[in-house]
Amino acid sequence: MEHTNLSLEYDKSLIERVLDDLDMRYIIMFLYIIRNDLFKDLKDSKIIESYEKVIILDEIFKNNVLDLWEENFAD
């Protein structure tokens, strides 16, 4: 998506379109978490726990998608 217009409304619309895509939302969330902790000490147990929580949520999301496929898209 090329940014060709300088207006807050256009920027808001662009952000909303990007975040409407669930995959993009997860990618942005992971990038934010990594960027937020990039310069912190990764030996800190609190930071590690926060990553583990996100990874668990991702696994739950993945399992929900797989269950949905099995229920609704049987061969």
Protein backbone atom coordinates (compact mmCIF):
# COMPACT_ATOMS: atom_id res chain seq x y z
CA MET A 1 0.00 0.00 0.00
CA GLU A 2 1.53 3.21 -1.13
CA HIS A 3 1.05 6.26 1.03
CA THR A 4 0.14 9.06 -1.37
CA ASN A 5 -2.18 11.23 0.67
CA LEU A 6 -1.42 13.32 3.75
CA SER A 7 -4.51 13.34 5.89
CA LEU A 8 -5.42 11.91 9.26
CA GLU A 9 -8.56 10.35 7.83
CA TYR A 10 -6.58 8.56 5.13
CA ASP A 11 -4.04 7.34 7.71
CA LYS A 12 -6.83 6.11 9.97
CA SER A 13 -8.44 4.25 7.08
CA LEU A 14 -5.12 2.68 6.11
CA ILE A 15 -4.46 1.48 9.66
CA GLU A 16 -7.97 0.06 9.95
CA ARG A 17 -7.62 -1.85 6.67
CA VAL A 18 -4.30 -3.34 7.76
CA LEU A 19 -5.64 -4.33 11.18
CA ASP A 20 -8.79 -5.87 9.67
CA ASP A 21 -6.61 -8.68 8.38
CA LEU A 22 -6.18 -11.09 11.30
CA ASP A 23 -2.79 -12.31 10.10
CA MET A 24 -1.49 -8.75 9.86
CA ARG A 25 -2.83 -8.01 13.32
CA TYR A 26 -0.83 -10.93 14.76
CA ILE A 27 2.30 -9.94 12.85
CA ILE A 28 2.06 -6.37 14.14
CA MET A 29 1.47 -7.61 17.68
CA PHE A 30 4.57 -9.83 17.57
CA LEU A 31 6.66 -7.05 16.04
CA TYR A 32 5.52 -4.64 18.73
CA ILE A 33 6.40 -7.08 21.50
CA ILE A 34 9.81 -7.83 20.04
CA ARG A 35 10.54 -4.14 19.38
CA ASN A 36 9.40 -3.22 22.86
CA ASP A 37 11.80 -5.71 24.44
CA LEU A 38 14.63 -5.47 21.92
CA PHE A 39 16.98 -3.54 24.14
CA LYS A 40 15.95 -5.14 27.41
CA ASP A 41 17.71 -7.97 29.17
CA LEU A 42 16.17 -11.18 27.82
CA LYS A 43 17.40 -13.02 30.90
CA ASP A 44 14.70 -11.19 32.85
CA SER A 45 12.09 -13.80 33.79
CA LYS A 46 9.20 -11.31 33.49
CA ILE A 47 10.04 -10.63 29.85
CA ILE A 48 10.33 -14.35 29.12
CA GLU A 49 6.96 -14.98 30.80
CA SER A 50 5.32 -12.32 28.64
CA TYR A 51 6.63 -14.02 25.50
CA GLU A 52 5.40 -17.38 26.75
CA LYS A 53 1.90 -15.94 27.29
CA VAL A 54 1.78 -14.64 23.74
CA ILE A 55 3.06 -17.93 22.35
CA ILE A 56 0.37 -19.79 24.31
CA LEU A 57 -2.30 -17.46 22.91
CA ASP A 58 -0.98 -18.07 19.41
CA GLU A 59 -1.16 -21.83 19.95
CA ILE A 60 -4.76 -21.52 21.17
CA PHE A 61 -5.63 -19.44 18.10
CA LYS A 62 -3.98 -21.98 15.79
CA ASN A 63 -5.85 -24.87 17.44
CA ASN A 64 -9.15 -23.00 17.13
CA VAL A 65 -8.57 -22.51 13.41
CA LEU A 66 -7.68 -26.18 12.94
CA ASP A 67 -10.80 -27.26 14.85
CA LEU A 68 -12.94 -24.96 12.71
CA TRP A 69 -11.48 -26.45 9.53
CA GLU A 70 -12.10 -30.00 10.73
CA GLU A 71 -15.71 -29.23 11.69
CA ASN A 72 -16.70 -27.21 8.63
CA PHE A 73 -14.46 -28.41 5.82
CA ALA A 74 -14.54 -32.20 6.08
CA ASP A 75 -13.14 -34.10 3.09
